[in-house]
Amino acid sequence: NPFKYPQHDGYQLISGYLAFSRGGWLGLGIGQGETKRY
């Protein structure tokens, strides 16, 4: 349950979910991802 600890040990897994959700079917384009920057 990473959302129970969003600022601690669940932070990395939630960030991964966020990246997947932004990509959708075709993605944003190579080099255009934002989650990796922040």
ModelCIF file with pLDDT and N, C-alpha, C, O atoms, coordinates in Angstrom:
data_MODEL
#
_entry.id   MODEL 
#
_entity.id                         1 
_entity.type                       polymer 
_entity.pdbx_number_of_molecules   1 
#
_entity_poly.entity_id                      1 
_entity_poly.type                           'polypeptide(L)' 
_entity_poly.nstd_linkage                   no 
_entity_poly.nstd_monomer                   no 
_entity_poly.pdbx_seq_one_letter_code       NPFKYPQHDGYQLISGYLAFSRGGWLGLGIGQGETKRY 
_entity_poly.pdbx_seq_one_letter_code_can   NPFKYPQHDGYQLISGYLAFSRGGWLGLGIGQGETKRY 
_entity_poly.pdbx_strand_id                 A 
#
loop_
_entity_poly_seq.entity_id 
_entity_poly_seq.num 
_entity_poly_seq.mon_id 
_entity_poly_seq.hetero 
1 1  ASN n 
1 2  PRO n 
1 3  PHE n 
1 4  LYS n 
1 5  TYR n 
1 6  PRO n 
1 7  GLN n 
1 8  HIS n 
1 9  ASP n 
1 10 GLY n 
1 11 TYR n 
1 12 GLN n 
1 13 LEU n 
1 14 ILE n 
1 15 SER n 
1 16 GLY n 
1 17 TYR n 
1 18 LEU n 
1 19 ALA n 
1 20 PHE n 
1 21 SER n 
1 22 ARG n 
1 23 GLY n 
1 24 GLY n 
1 25 TRP n 
1 26 LEU n 
1 27 GLY n 
1 28 LEU n 
1 29 GLY n 
1 30 ILE n 
1 31 GLY n 
1 32 GLN n 
1 33 GLY n 
1 34 GLU n 
1 35 THR n 
1 36 LYS n 
1 37 ARG n 
1 38 TYR n 
#
_struct_asym.id          A 
_struct_asym.entity_id   1 
#
loop_
_ma_qa_metric.id 
_ma_qa_metric.mode 
_ma_qa_metric.name 
_ma_qa_metric.software_group_id 
_ma_qa_metric.type 
1 global pLDDT . pLDDT 
2 local  pLDDT . pLDDT 
#
_ma_qa_metric_global.metric_id      1 
_ma_qa_metric_global.metric_value   84.61 
_ma_qa_metric_global.model_id       1 
_ma_qa_metric_global.ordinal_id     1 
#
loop_
_ma_qa_metric_local.label_asym_id 
_ma_qa_metric_local.label_comp_id 
_ma_qa_metric_local.label_seq_id 
_ma_qa_metric_local.metric_id 
_ma_qa_metric_local.metric_value 
_ma_qa_metric_local.model_id 
_ma_qa_metric_local.ordinal_id 
A ASN 1  2 77.00 1 1  
A PRO 2  2 80.00 1 2  
A PHE 3  2 77.00 1 3  
A LYS 4  2 77.00 1 4  
A TYR 5  2 76.00 1 5  
A PRO 6  2 76.00 1 6  
A GLN 7  2 74.00 1 7  
A HIS 8  2 74.00 1 8  
A ASP 9  2 74.00 1 9  
A GLY 10 2 80.00 1 10 
A TYR 11 2 84.00 1 11 
A GLN 12 2 84.00 1 12 
A LEU 13 2 87.00 1 13 
A ILE 14 2 87.00 1 14 
A SER 15 2 88.00 1 15 
A GLY 16 2 89.00 1 16 
A TYR 17 2 89.00 1 17 
A LEU 18 2 90.00 1 18 
A ALA 19 2 90.00 1 19 
A PHE 20 2 90.00 1 20 
A SER 21 2 90.00 1 21 
A ARG 22 2 90.00 1 22 
A GLY 23 2 88.00 1 23 
A GLY 24 2 87.00 1 24 
A TRP 25 2 90.00 1 25 
A LEU 26 2 90.00 1 26 
A GLY 27 2 90.00 1 27 
A LEU 28 2 91.00 1 28 
A GLY 29 2 90.00 1 29 
A ILE 30 2 90.00 1 30 
A GLY 31 2 86.00 1 31 
A GLN 32 2 88.00 1 32 
A GLY 33 2 86.00 1 33 
A GLU 34 2 86.00 1 34 
A THR 35 2 85.00 1 35 
A LYS 36 2 84.00 1 36 
A ARG 37 2 82.00 1 37 
A TYR 38 2 79.00 1 38 
#
loop_
_atom_site.group_PDB 
_atom_site.id 
_atom_site.type_symbol 
_atom_site.label_atom_id 
_atom_site.label_alt_id 
_atom_site.label_comp_id 
_atom_site.label_asym_id 
_atom_site.label_entity_id 
_atom_site.label_seq_id 
_atom_site.pdbx_PDB_ins_code 
_atom_site.Cartn_x 
_atom_site.Cartn_y 
_atom_site.Cartn_z 
_atom_site.occupancy 
_atom_site.B_iso_or_equiv 
_atom_site.pdbx_formal_charge 
_atom_site.auth_seq_id 
_atom_site.auth_comp_id 
_atom_site.auth_asym_id 
_atom_site.auth_atom_id 
_atom_site.pdbx_PDB_model_num 
ATOM 1   N N  . ASN A 1 1  ? 0.847  -1.190 0.000   1.00 77.00 ? 1  ASN A N  1 
ATOM 2   C CA . ASN A 1 1  ? 0.000  0.000  0.000   1.00 77.00 ? 1  ASN A CA 1 
ATOM 3   C C  . ASN A 1 1  ? 0.883  1.241  0.000   1.00 77.00 ? 1  ASN A C  1 
ATOM 4   O O  . ASN A 1 1  ? 1.021  1.900  1.031   1.00 77.00 ? 1  ASN A O  1 
ATOM 5   N N  . PRO A 1 2  ? 1.492  1.573  -1.158  1.00 80.00 ? 2  PRO A N  1 
ATOM 6   C CA . PRO A 1 2  ? 2.428  2.704  -1.187  1.00 80.00 ? 2  PRO A CA 1 
ATOM 7   C C  . PRO A 1 2  ? 1.754  4.045  -0.911  1.00 80.00 ? 2  PRO A C  1 
ATOM 8   O O  . PRO A 1 2  ? 2.410  4.970  -0.434  1.00 80.00 ? 2  PRO A O  1 
ATOM 9   N N  . PHE A 1 3  ? 0.452  4.171  -1.202  1.00 77.00 ? 3  PHE A N  1 
ATOM 10  C CA . PHE A 1 3  ? -0.233 5.452  -1.001  1.00 77.00 ? 3  PHE A CA 1 
ATOM 11  C C  . PHE A 1 3  ? -0.430 5.773  0.486   1.00 77.00 ? 3  PHE A C  1 
ATOM 12  O O  . PHE A 1 3  ? -0.794 6.893  0.844   1.00 77.00 ? 3  PHE A O  1 
ATOM 13  N N  . LYS A 1 4  ? -0.189 4.789  1.336   1.00 77.00 ? 4  LYS A N  1 
ATOM 14  C CA . LYS A 1 4  ? -0.263 5.014  2.766   1.00 77.00 ? 4  LYS A CA 1 
ATOM 15  C C  . LYS A 1 4  ? 0.986  5.747  3.262   1.00 77.00 ? 4  LYS A C  1 
ATOM 16  O O  . LYS A 1 4  ? 0.963  6.379  4.318   1.00 77.00 ? 4  LYS A O  1 
ATOM 17  N N  . TYR A 1 5  ? 2.076  5.657  2.494   1.00 76.00 ? 5  TYR A N  1 
ATOM 18  C CA . TYR A 1 5  ? 3.344  6.302  2.863   1.00 76.00 ? 5  TYR A CA 1 
ATOM 19  C C  . TYR A 1 5  ? 3.865  7.088  1.656   1.00 76.00 ? 5  TYR A C  1 
ATOM 20  O O  . TYR A 1 5  ? 4.951  6.789  1.159   1.00 76.00 ? 5  TYR A O  1 
ATOM 21  N N  . PRO A 1 6  ? 3.125  8.073  1.181   1.00 76.00 ? 6  PRO A N  1 
ATOM 22  C CA . PRO A 1 6  ? 3.472  8.750  -0.079  1.00 76.00 ? 6  PRO A CA 1 
ATOM 23  C C  . PRO A 1 6  ? 4.748  9.574  -0.014  1.00 76.00 ? 6  PRO A C  1 
ATOM 24  O O  . PRO A 1 6  ? 5.382  9.800  -1.044  1.00 76.00 ? 6  PRO A O  1 
ATOM 25  N N  . GLN A 1 7  ? 5.136  10.026 1.163   1.00 74.00 ? 7  GLN A N  1 
ATOM 26  C CA . GLN A 1 7  ? 6.324  10.858 1.287   1.00 74.00 ? 7  GLN A CA 1 
ATOM 27  C C  . GLN A 1 7  ? 7.550  10.086 1.765   1.00 74.00 ? 7  GLN A C  1 
ATOM 28  O O  . GLN A 1 7  ? 8.623  10.662 1.944   1.00 74.00 ? 7  GLN A O  1 
ATOM 29  N N  . HIS A 1 8  ? 7.389  8.794  1.969   1.00 74.00 ? 8  HIS A N  1 
ATOM 30  C CA . HIS A 1 8  ? 8.508  8.010  2.495   1.00 74.00 ? 8  HIS A CA 1 
ATOM 31  C C  . HIS A 1 8  ? 8.783  6.825  1.570   1.00 74.00 ? 8  HIS A C  1 
ATOM 32  O O  . HIS A 1 8  ? 9.192  7.028  0.427   1.00 74.00 ? 8  HIS A O  1 
ATOM 33  N N  . ASP A 1 9  ? 8.570  5.599  2.036   1.00 74.00 ? 9  ASP A N  1 
ATOM 34  C CA . ASP A 1 9  ? 8.951  4.418  1.253   1.00 74.00 ? 9  ASP A CA 1 
ATOM 35  C C  . ASP A 1 9  ? 8.013  4.136  0.086   1.00 74.00 ? 9  ASP A C  1 
ATOM 36  O O  . ASP A 1 9  ? 8.364  3.362  -0.805  1.00 74.00 ? 9  ASP A O  1 
ATOM 37  N N  . GLY A 1 10 ? 6.850  4.731  0.068   1.00 80.00 ? 10 GLY A N  1 
ATOM 38  C CA . GLY A 1 10 ? 5.952  4.548  -1.063  1.00 80.00 ? 10 GLY A CA 1 
ATOM 39  C C  . GLY A 1 10 ? 6.161  5.548  -2.178  1.00 80.00 ? 10 GLY A C  1 
ATOM 40  O O  . GLY A 1 10 ? 5.511  5.462  -3.220  1.00 80.00 ? 10 GLY A O  1 
ATOM 41  N N  . TYR A 1 11 ? 7.069  6.506  -1.971  1.00 84.00 ? 11 TYR A N  1 
ATOM 42  C CA . TYR A 1 11 ? 7.274  7.600  -2.924  1.00 84.00 ? 11 TYR A CA 1 
ATOM 43  C C  . TYR A 1 11 ? 7.736  7.089  -4.282  1.00 84.00 ? 11 TYR A C  1 
ATOM 44  O O  . TYR A 1 11 ? 7.221  7.527  -5.310  1.00 84.00 ? 11 TYR A O  1 
ATOM 45  N N  . GLN A 1 12 ? 8.698  6.173  -4.303  1.00 84.00 ? 12 GLN A N  1 
ATOM 46  C CA . GLN A 1 12 ? 9.250  5.698  -5.576  1.00 84.00 ? 12 GLN A CA 1 
ATOM 47  C C  . GLN A 1 12 ? 8.205  4.947  -6.393  1.00 84.00 ? 12 GLN A C  1 
ATOM 48  O O  . GLN A 1 12 ? 8.088  5.151  -7.601  1.00 84.00 ? 12 GLN A O  1 
ATOM 49  N N  . LEU A 1 13 ? 7.452  4.082  -5.732  1.00 87.00 ? 13 LEU A N  1 
ATOM 50  C CA . LEU A 1 13 ? 6.450  3.303  -6.444  1.00 87.00 ? 13 LEU A CA 1 
ATOM 51  C C  . LEU A 1 13 ? 5.334  4.194  -6.992  1.00 87.00 ? 13 LEU A C  1 
ATOM 52  O O  . LEU A 1 13 ? 4.855  3.973  -8.104  1.00 87.00 ? 13 LEU A O  1 
ATOM 53  N N  . ILE A 1 14 ? 4.918  5.198  -6.218  1.00 87.00 ? 14 ILE A N  1 
ATOM 54  C CA . ILE A 1 14 ? 3.880  6.128  -6.682  1.00 87.00 ? 14 ILE A CA 1 
ATOM 55  C C  . ILE A 1 14 ? 4.386  6.929  -7.880  1.00 87.00 ? 14 ILE A C  1 
ATOM 56  O O  . ILE A 1 14 ? 3.636  7.178  -8.824  1.00 87.00 ? 14 ILE A O  1 
ATOM 57  N N  . SER A 1 15 ? 5.655  7.331  -7.842  1.00 88.00 ? 15 SER A N  1 
ATOM 58  C CA . SER A 1 15 ? 6.233  8.054  -8.981  1.00 88.00 ? 15 SER A CA 1 
ATOM 59  C C  . SER A 1 15 ? 6.241  7.192  -10.235 1.00 88.00 ? 15 SER A C  1 
ATOM 60  O O  . SER A 1 15 ? 6.027  7.686  -11.342 1.00 88.00 ? 15 SER A O  1 
ATOM 61  N N  . GLY A 1 16 ? 6.491  5.893  -10.052 1.00 89.00 ? 16 GLY A N  1 
ATOM 62  C CA . GLY A 1 16 ? 6.436  4.979  -11.194 1.00 89.00 ? 16 GLY A CA 1 
ATOM 63  C C  . GLY A 1 16 ? 5.041  4.881  -11.772 1.00 89.00 ? 16 GLY A C  1 
ATOM 64  O O  . GLY A 1 16 ? 4.865  4.892  -12.990 1.00 89.00 ? 16 GLY A O  1 
ATOM 65  N N  . TYR A 1 17 ? 4.040  4.782  -10.895 1.00 89.00 ? 17 TYR A N  1 
ATOM 66  C CA . TYR A 1 17 ? 2.650  4.758  -11.369 1.00 89.00 ? 17 TYR A CA 1 
ATOM 67  C C  . TYR A 1 17 ? 2.321  6.041  -12.152 1.00 89.00 ? 17 TYR A C  1 
ATOM 68  O O  . TYR A 1 17 ? 1.633  6.001  -13.172 1.00 89.00 ? 17 TYR A O  1 
ATOM 69  N N  . LEU A 1 18 ? 2.822  7.162  -11.658 1.00 90.00 ? 18 LEU A N  1 
ATOM 70  C CA . LEU A 1 18 ? 2.563  8.439  -12.325 1.00 90.00 ? 18 LEU A CA 1 
ATOM 71  C C  . LEU A 1 18 ? 3.179  8.457  -13.725 1.00 90.00 ? 18 LEU A C  1 
ATOM 72  O O  . LEU A 1 18 ? 2.567  8.950  -14.673 1.00 90.00 ? 18 LEU A O  1 
ATOM 73  N N  . ALA A 1 19 ? 4.387  7.919  -13.845 1.00 90.00 ? 19 ALA A N  1 
ATOM 74  C CA . ALA A 1 19 ? 5.041  7.876  -15.156 1.00 90.00 ? 19 ALA A CA 1 
ATOM 75  C C  . ALA A 1 19 ? 4.262  6.996  -16.124 1.00 90.00 ? 19 ALA A C  1 
ATOM 76  O O  . ALA A 1 19 ? 4.076  7.361  -17.285 1.00 90.00 ? 19 ALA A O  1 
ATOM 77  N N  . PHE A 1 20 ? 3.811  5.852  -15.655 1.00 90.00 ? 20 PHE A N  1 
ATOM 78  C CA . PHE A 1 20 ? 3.019  4.963  -16.517 1.00 90.00 ? 20 PHE A CA 1 
ATOM 79  C C  . PHE A 1 20 ? 1.737  5.644  -16.977 1.00 90.00 ? 20 PHE A C  1 
ATOM 80  O O  . PHE A 1 20 ? 1.352  5.546  -18.142 1.00 90.00 ? 20 PHE A O  1 
ATOM 81  N N  . SER A 1 21 ? 1.083  6.334  -16.049 1.00 90.00 ? 21 SER A N  1 
ATOM 82  C CA . SER A 1 21 ? -0.200 6.974  -16.393 1.00 90.00 ? 21 SER A CA 1 
ATOM 83  C C  . SER A 1 21 ? -0.015 8.078  -17.423 1.00 90.00 ? 21 SER A C  1 
ATOM 84  O O  . SER A 1 21 ? -0.893 8.291  -18.259 1.00 90.00 ? 21 SER A O  1 
ATOM 85  N N  . ARG A 1 22 ? 1.098  8.777  -17.380 1.00 90.00 ? 22 ARG A N  1 
ATOM 86  C CA . ARG A 1 22 ? 1.348  9.835  -18.346 1.00 90.00 ? 22 ARG A CA 1 
ATOM 87  C C  . ARG A 1 22 ? 1.659  9.296  -19.736 1.00 90.00 ? 22 ARG A C  1 
ATOM 88  O O  . ARG A 1 22 ? 1.403  9.960  -20.741 1.00 90.00 ? 22 ARG A O  1 
ATOM 89  N N  . GLY A 1 23 ? 2.214  8.085  -19.784 1.00 88.00 ? 23 GLY A N  1 
ATOM 90  C CA . GLY A 1 23 ? 2.619  7.535  -21.080 1.00 88.00 ? 23 GLY A CA 1 
ATOM 91  C C  . GLY A 1 23 ? 1.475  7.105  -21.961 1.00 88.00 ? 23 GLY A C  1 
ATOM 92  O O  . GLY A 1 23 ? 1.537  7.264  -23.181 1.00 88.00 ? 23 GLY A O  1 
ATOM 93  N N  . GLY A 1 24 ? 0.424  6.560  -21.363 1.00 87.00 ? 24 GLY A N  1 
ATOM 94  C CA . GLY A 1 24 ? -0.705 6.101  -22.162 1.00 87.00 ? 24 GLY A CA 1 
ATOM 95  C C  . GLY A 1 24 ? -0.311 4.987  -23.119 1.00 87.00 ? 24 GLY A C  1 
ATOM 96  O O  . GLY A 1 24 ? 0.524  4.142  -22.797 1.00 87.00 ? 24 GLY A O  1 
ATOM 97  N N  . TRP A 1 25 ? -0.925 4.997  -24.306 1.00 90.00 ? 25 TRP A N  1 
ATOM 98  C CA . TRP A 1 25 ? -0.661 3.959  -25.298 1.00 90.00 ? 25 TRP A CA 1 
ATOM 99  C C  . TRP A 1 25 ? 0.625  4.188  -26.079 1.00 90.00 ? 25 TRP A C  1 
ATOM 100 O O  . TRP A 1 25 ? 1.383  3.244  -26.297 1.00 90.00 ? 25 TRP A O  1 
ATOM 101 N N  . LEU A 1 26 ? 0.888  5.418  -26.505 1.00 90.00 ? 26 LEU A N  1 
ATOM 102 C CA . LEU A 1 26 ? 2.013  5.711  -27.402 1.00 90.00 ? 26 LEU A CA 1 
ATOM 103 C C  . LEU A 1 26 ? 3.141  6.475  -26.744 1.00 90.00 ? 26 LEU A C  1 
ATOM 104 O O  . LEU A 1 26 ? 4.220  6.585  -27.325 1.00 90.00 ? 26 LEU A O  1 
ATOM 105 N N  . GLY A 1 27 ? 2.927  7.013  -25.536 1.00 90.00 ? 27 GLY A N  1 
ATOM 106 C CA . GLY A 1 27 ? 3.986  7.729  -24.839 1.00 90.00 ? 27 GLY A CA 1 
ATOM 107 C C  . GLY A 1 27 ? 4.115  9.184  -25.262 1.00 90.00 ? 27 GLY A C  1 
ATOM 108 O O  . GLY A 1 27 ? 3.470  9.638  -26.207 1.00 90.00 ? 27 GLY A O  1 
ATOM 109 N N  . LEU A 1 28 ? 4.962  9.898  -24.541 1.00 91.00 ? 28 LEU A N  1 
ATOM 110 C CA . LEU A 1 28 ? 5.179  11.320 -24.805 1.00 91.00 ? 28 LEU A CA 1 
ATOM 111 C C  . LEU A 1 28 ? 6.292  11.565 -25.811 1.00 91.00 ? 28 LEU A C  1 
ATOM 112 O O  . LEU A 1 28 ? 6.479  12.689 -26.276 1.00 91.00 ? 28 LEU A O  1 
ATOM 113 N N  . GLY A 1 29 ? 7.035  10.509 -26.149 1.00 90.00 ? 29 GLY A N  1 
ATOM 114 C CA . GLY A 1 29 ? 8.180  10.673 -27.046 1.00 90.00 ? 29 GLY A CA 1 
ATOM 115 C C  . GLY A 1 29 ? 9.481  10.492 -26.291 1.00 90.00 ? 29 GLY A C  1 
ATOM 116 O O  . GLY A 1 29 ? 9.594  10.902 -25.136 1.00 90.00 ? 29 GLY A O  1 
ATOM 117 N N  . ILE A 1 30 ? 10.458 9.885  -26.927 1.00 90.00 ? 30 ILE A N  1 
ATOM 118 C CA . ILE A 1 30 ? 11.757 9.632  -26.280 1.00 90.00 ? 30 ILE A CA 1 
ATOM 119 C C  . ILE A 1 30 ? 12.421 10.955 -25.917 1.00 90.00 ? 30 ILE A C  1 
ATOM 120 O O  . ILE A 1 30 ? 12.572 11.842 -26.756 1.00 90.00 ? 30 ILE A O  1 
ATOM 121 N N  . GLY A 1 31 ? 12.812 11.069 -24.655 1.00 86.00 ? 31 GLY A N  1 
ATOM 122 C CA . GLY A 1 31 ? 13.433 12.285 -24.139 1.00 86.00 ? 31 GLY A CA 1 
ATOM 123 C C  . GLY A 1 31 ? 12.447 13.303 -23.613 1.00 86.00 ? 31 GLY A C  1 
ATOM 124 O O  . GLY A 1 31 ? 12.856 14.307 -23.029 1.00 86.00 ? 31 GLY A O  1 
ATOM 125 N N  . GLN A 1 32 ? 11.143 13.069 -23.806 1.00 88.00 ? 32 GLN A N  1 
ATOM 126 C CA . GLN A 1 32 ? 10.137 14.060 -23.417 1.00 88.00 ? 32 GLN A CA 1 
ATOM 127 C C  . GLN A 1 32 ? 9.507  13.786 -22.055 1.00 88.00 ? 32 GLN A C  1 
ATOM 128 O O  . GLN A 1 32 ? 8.652  14.550 -21.607 1.00 88.00 ? 32 GLN A O  1 
ATOM 129 N N  . GLY A 1 33 ? 9.916  12.712 -21.397 1.00 86.00 ? 33 GLY A N  1 
ATOM 130 C CA . GLY A 1 33 ? 9.344  12.391 -20.089 1.00 86.00 ? 33 GLY A CA 1 
ATOM 131 C C  . GLY A 1 33 ? 9.688  13.444 -19.045 1.00 86.00 ? 33 GLY A C  1 
ATOM 132 O O  . GLY A 1 33 ? 10.783 14.006 -19.062 1.00 86.00 ? 33 GLY A O  1 
ATOM 133 N N  . GLU A 1 34 ? 8.765  13.707 -18.147 1.00 86.00 ? 34 GLU A N  1 
ATOM 134 C CA . GLU A 1 34 ? 8.953  14.728 -17.111 1.00 86.00 ? 34 GLU A CA 1 
ATOM 135 C C  . GLU A 1 34 ? 9.179  14.121 -15.725 1.00 86.00 ? 34 GLU A C  1 
ATOM 136 O O  . GLU A 1 34 ? 9.847  14.728 -14.887 1.00 86.00 ? 34 GLU A O  1 
ATOM 137 N N  . THR A 1 35 ? 8.635  12.940 -15.479 1.00 85.00 ? 35 THR A N  1 
ATOM 138 C CA . THR A 1 35 ? 8.731  12.339 -14.150 1.00 85.00 ? 35 THR A CA 1 
ATOM 139 C C  . THR A 1 35 ? 10.178 12.090 -13.763 1.00 85.00 ? 35 THR A C  1 
ATOM 140 O O  . THR A 1 35 ? 10.538 12.234 -12.595 1.00 85.00 ? 35 THR A O  1 
ATOM 141 N N  . LYS A 1 36 ? 11.016 11.716 -14.730 1.00 84.00 ? 36 LYS A N  1 
ATOM 142 C CA . LYS A 1 36 ? 12.422 11.435 -14.453 1.00 84.00 ? 36 LYS A CA 1 
ATOM 143 C C  . LYS A 1 36 ? 13.157 12.685 -13.947 1.00 84.00 ? 36 LYS A C  1 
ATOM 144 O O  . LYS A 1 36 ? 14.154 12.569 -13.233 1.00 84.00 ? 36 LYS A O  1 
ATOM 145 N N  . ARG A 1 37 ? 12.679 13.860 -14.308 1.00 82.00 ? 37 ARG A N  1 
ATOM 146 C CA . ARG A 1 37 ? 13.363 15.100 -13.933 1.00 82.00 ? 37 ARG A CA 1 
ATOM 147 C C  . ARG A 1 37 ? 13.043 15.531 -12.516 1.00 82.00 ? 37 ARG A C  1 
ATOM 148 O O  . ARG A 1 37 ? 13.842 16.219 -11.880 1.00 82.00 ? 37 ARG A O  1 
ATOM 149 N N  . TYR A 1 38 ? 11.879 15.133 -12.015 1.00 79.00 ? 38 TYR A N  1 
ATOM 150 C CA . TYR A 1 38 ? 11.437 15.707 -10.746 1.00 79.00 ? 38 TYR A CA 1 
ATOM 151 C C  . TYR A 1 38 ? 11.161 14.679 -9.647  1.00 79.00 ? 38 TYR A C  1 
ATOM 152 O O  . TYR A 1 38 ? 10.783 15.049 -8.536  1.00 79.00 ? 38 TYR A O  1 
#
